[in-house]
C-alpha atoms as a PDB file:
ATOM      1  CA  MET A   1       0.114  -0.237   0.010  1.00  0.00           C
ATOM      2  CA  GLN A   2       2.902   2.405   0.596  1.00  0.00           C
ATOM      3  CA  HIS A   3       4.227   1.829  -2.622  1.00  0.00           C
ATOM      4  CA  THR A   4       0.976   2.141  -4.655  1.00  0.00           C
ATOM      5  CA  PHE A   5      -0.946   4.627  -2.413  1.00  0.00           C
ATOM      6  CA  PRO A   6       1.635   6.599  -0.517  1.00  0.00           C
ATOM      7  CA  ASP A   7      -0.907   9.369   0.007  1.00  0.00           C
ATOM      8  CA  ALA A   8      -3.299   7.410   1.619  1.00  0.00           C
ATOM      9  CA  MET A   9      -0.695   6.582   4.498  1.00  0.00           C
ATOM     10  CA  VAL A  10      -1.173   8.510   7.887  1.00  0.00           C
ATOM     11  CA  ASP A  11       1.374   8.949  10.564  1.00  0.00           C
ATOM     12  CA  CYS A  12      -0.105   7.666  13.658  1.00  0.00           C
ATOM     13  CA  ALA A  13       2.600   7.871  15.646  1.00  0.00           C
ATOM     14  CA  GLY A  14       1.614   9.656  18.863  1.00  0.00           C
ATOM     15  CA  LEU A  15      -1.797   9.354  18.142  1.00  0.00           C
ATOM     16  CA  ASP A  16      -3.958   8.440  21.406  1.00  0.00           C
ATOM     17  CA  PRO A  17      -7.201   6.358  20.528  1.00  0.00           C
ATOM     18  CA  ASP A  18      -8.509   7.412  24.003  1.00  0.00           C
ATOM     19  CA  ASP A  19      -8.703  10.930  22.629  1.00  0.00           C
ATOM     20  CA  TYR A  20     -11.399   9.780  20.240  1.00  0.00           C
ATOM     21  CA  LEU A  21     -14.985   8.617  20.803  1.00  0.00           C
ATOM     22  CA  SER A  22     -16.365   5.420  19.291  1.00  0.00           C
ATOM     23  CA  PRO A  23     -19.303   2.655  20.406  1.00  0.00           C
ATOM     24  CA  ASP A  24     -16.433   0.084  19.887  1.00  0.00           C
ATOM     25  CA  PRO A  25     -12.838   1.106  21.645  1.00  0.00           C
ATOM     26  CA  GLU A  26     -11.168  -0.786  18.867  1.00  0.00           C
ATOM     27  CA  ASP A  27     -12.561   1.591  16.129  1.00  0.00           C
ATOM     28  CA  ARG A  28     -11.269   4.898  17.763  1.00  0.00           C
ATOM     29  CA  LEU A  29      -7.598   4.536  16.193  1.00  0.00           C
ATOM     30  CA  ILE A  30      -9.654   4.582  12.708  1.00  0.00           C
ATOM     31  CA  ILE A  31     -11.193   7.661  13.632  1.00  0.00           C
ATOM     32  CA  GLY A  32      -8.089   9.368  14.945  1.00  0.00           C
ATOM     33  CA  ALA A  33      -6.212   8.475  11.757  1.00  0.00           C
ATOM     34  CA  ALA A  34      -8.994   9.720   9.288  1.00  0.00           C
ATOM     35  CA  HIS A  35      -9.291  12.867  11.860  1.00  0.00           C
ATOM     36  CA  ARG A  36      -5.545  13.251  11.317  1.00  0.00           C
ATOM     37  CA  SER A  37      -5.532  12.691   7.549  1.00  0.00           C
ATOM     38  CA  PRO A  38      -6.961  15.011   5.012  1.00  0.00           C
ATOM     39  CA  ALA A  39      -9.860  12.544   4.429  1.00  0.00           C
ATOM     40  CA  ASP A  40     -13.443  13.759   5.485  1.00  0.00           C
ATOM     41  CA  THR A  41     -15.012  10.245   4.894  1.00  0.00           C
ATOM     42  CA  ILE A  42     -14.775   6.863   6.465  1.00  0.00           C
ATOM     43  CA  VAL A  43     -15.896   4.213   3.877  1.00  0.00           C
ATOM     44  CA  THR A  44     -17.445   1.303   5.592  1.00  0.00           C
ATOM     45  CA  ARG A  45     -20.572  -1.008   6.066  1.00  0.00           C
ATOM     46  CA  ASN A  46     -20.033  -0.928   9.711  1.00  0.00           C
ATOM     47  CA  LEU A  47     -22.255   2.355  10.338  1.00  0.00           C
ATOM     48  CA  THR A  48     -22.913   1.192  14.128  1.00  0.00           C
ATOM     49  CA  ASP A  49     -19.636   1.786  15.246  1.00  0.00           C
ATOM     50  CA  PHE A  50     -19.252   4.970  13.427  1.00  0.00           C
ATOM     51  CA  PRO A  51     -22.126   7.057  13.945  1.00  0.00           C
ATOM     52  CA  ASP A  52     -22.289  10.347  12.258  1.00  0.00           C
ATOM     53  CA  SER A  53     -23.299  12.272  15.448  1.00  0.00           C
ATOM     54  CA  ILE A  54     -19.804  11.244  16.655  1.00  0.00           C
ATOM     55  CA  LEU A  55     -17.878  11.753  13.519  1.00  0.00           C
ATOM     56  CA  MET A  56     -19.171  15.375  12.994  1.00  0.00           C
ATOM     57  CA  ARG A  57     -17.256  16.311  16.042  1.00  0.00           C
ATOM     58  CA  TYR A  58     -13.920  15.484  14.038  1.00  0.00           C
ATOM     59  CA  GLY A  59     -15.446  16.646  10.760  1.00  0.00           C
ATOM     60  CA  LEU A  60     -15.743  13.297   9.362  1.00  0.00           C
ATOM     61  CA  ARG A  61     -18.731  11.354   7.800  1.00  0.00           C
ATOM     62  CA  THR A  62     -19.345   7.688   6.789  1.00  0.00           C
ATOM     63  CA  GLN A  63     -20.440   6.600   3.432  1.00  0.00           C
ATOM     64  CA  THR A  64     -20.867   2.793   2.692  1.00  0.00           C
ATOM     65  CA  PRO A  65     -19.048   1.203  -0.227  1.00  0.00           C
ATOM     66  CA  ASP A  66     -22.250   0.704  -2.311  1.00  0.00           C
ATOM     67  CA  SER A  67     -22.834   4.644  -2.048  1.00  0.00           C
ATOM     68  CA  LEU A  68     -19.029   5.408  -2.545  1.00  0.00           C
ATOM     69  CA  MET A  69     -19.061   3.195  -5.782  1.00  0.00           C
ATOM     70  CA  THR A  70     -22.686   4.157  -6.877  1.00  0.00           C
ATOM     71  CA  ASN A  71     -21.665   7.995  -6.603  1.00  0.00           C
ATOM     72  CA  LEU A  72     -18.508   7.445  -8.455  1.00  0.00           C
ATOM     73  CA  LEU A  73     -20.127   5.846 -11.186  1.00  0.00           C
ATOM     74  CA  ALA A  74     -22.767   8.654 -11.438  1.00  0.00           C
ATOM     75  CA  THR A  75     -20.105  11.319 -11.420  1.00  0.00           C
ATOM     76  CA  GLU A  76     -17.323   9.589 -13.320  1.00  0.00           C
ATOM     77  CA  PRO A  77     -18.837   6.478 -15.466  1.00  0.00           C
ATOM     78  CA  THR A  78     -16.324   6.387 -17.836  1.00  0.00           C
ATOM     79  CA  ALA A  79     -13.378   5.730 -15.459  1.00  0.00           C
ATOM     80  CA  VAL A  80     -15.504   3.505 -13.642  1.00  0.00           C
ATOM     81  CA  MET A  81     -16.610   1.157 -16.687  1.00  0.00           C
ATOM     82  CA  THR A  82     -12.959   1.349 -17.660  1.00  0.00           C
ATOM     83  CA  ALA A  83     -11.851   0.388 -14.316  1.00  0.00           C
ATOM     84  CA  LEU A  84     -14.418  -2.619 -14.383  1.00  0.00           C
ATOM     85  CA  ASN A  85     -13.506  -3.934 -17.934  1.00  0.00           C
ATOM     86  CA  GLY A  86      -9.824  -3.572 -16.668  1.00  0.00           C
ATOM     87  CA  ILE A  87     -10.709  -5.889 -13.822  1.00  0.00           C
ATOM     88  CA  MET A  88     -12.346  -8.274 -16.074  1.00  0.00           C
ATOM     89  CA  ARG A  89      -9.440  -8.220 -18.619  1.00  0.00           C
ATOM     90  CA  ALA A  90      -7.037  -9.038 -15.562  1.00  0.00           C
ATOM     91  CA  LEU A  91      -8.741 -12.135 -14.407  1.00  0.00           C
ATOM     92  CA  LYS A  92      -6.960 -14.504 -16.475  1.00  0.00           C
ATOM     93  CA  ASN A  93      -6.769 -17.215 -14.132  1.00  0.00           C
ATOM     94  CA  ALA A  94      -9.843 -17.615 -13.286  1.00  0.00           C
ATOM     95  CA  PRO A  95     -11.797 -15.295 -15.932  1.00  0.00           C
ATOM     96  CA  LEU A  96     -15.109 -14.022 -15.035  1.00  0.00           C
ATOM     97  CA  THR A  97     -17.787 -12.340 -17.280  1.00  0.00           C
ATOM     98  CA  MET A  98     -19.068  -8.924 -16.348  1.00  0.00           C
ATOM     99  CA  SER A  99     -22.151 -10.137 -15.072  1.00  0.00           C
ATOM    100  CA  GLU A 100     -20.162 -12.340 -12.698  1.00  0.00           C
ATOM    101  CA  ILE A 101     -18.025  -9.453 -11.629  1.00  0.00           C
ATOM    102  CA  LEU A 102     -21.153  -7.255 -10.849  1.00  0.00           C
ATOM    103  CA  ALA A 103     -22.896 -10.312  -9.110  1.00  0.00           C
ATOM    104  CA  ASN A 104     -19.982 -10.744  -6.785  1.00  0.00           C
ATOM    105  CA  LEU A 105     -19.774  -7.050  -6.084  1.00  0.00           C
ATOM    106  CA  ALA A 106     -23.474  -7.124  -5.240  1.00  0.00           C
ATOM    107  CA  ALA A 107     -22.745 -10.152  -2.860  1.00  0.00           C
ATOM    108  CA  ALA A 108     -19.953  -8.407  -1.216  1.00  0.00           C
ATOM    109  CA  GLY A 109     -22.136  -5.440  -0.319  1.00  0.00           C
ATOM    110  CA  ALA A 110     -22.553  -3.185  -3.326  1.00  0.00           C
ATOM    111  CA  PRO A 111     -25.720  -4.112  -4.799  1.00  0.00           C
ATOM    112  CA  GLY A 112     -26.999  -0.644  -5.803  1.00  0.00           C
ATOM    113  CA  PHE A 113     -23.959  -0.320  -7.726  1.00  0.00           C
ATOM    114  CA  ALA A 114     -24.039  -3.457  -9.620  1.00  0.00           C
ATOM    115  CA  VAL A 115     -27.653  -2.969 -10.645  1.00  0.00           C
ATOM    116  CA  LYS A 116     -26.796   0.638 -11.836  1.00  0.00           C
ATOM    117  CA  ALA A 117     -23.331  -0.677 -13.712  1.00  0.00           C
ATOM    118  CA  ALA A 118     -25.272  -3.412 -15.303  1.00  0.00           C
ATOM    119  CA  ALA A 119     -27.764  -1.017 -16.600  1.00  0.00           C
ATOM    120  CA  MET A 120     -25.041   1.042 -18.215  1.00  0.00           C
ATOM    121  CA  ILE A 121     -23.819  -2.400 -19.994  1.00  0.00           C
ATOM    122  CA  GLY A 122     -27.136  -2.841 -21.477  1.00  0.00           C
END
């Protein structure tokens, strides 16, 4: 990750998780790292442990992966469809059709995205 997405790295040295609130104490470091970063959104399906009422204190919000991907599809349809086609072409050892890739994404928690992407394909 450091090599591929260096800008996504956050230095958590000296970060005290106890300075942050969360229903799950194990998630406090995630909130602290997001707060320390330039991010304004935590992408998660675990909305229970990251309530907006708490995250707002730190200038953060949550978004589900399905919502993020659906929004990206709406704002950058060509880039998203190019990425999906790249995934399909890259799967050489266990090839999948686009329908299978979208079904896997739906099963993994992005059903809205899968439906909208399938509609774009036709």
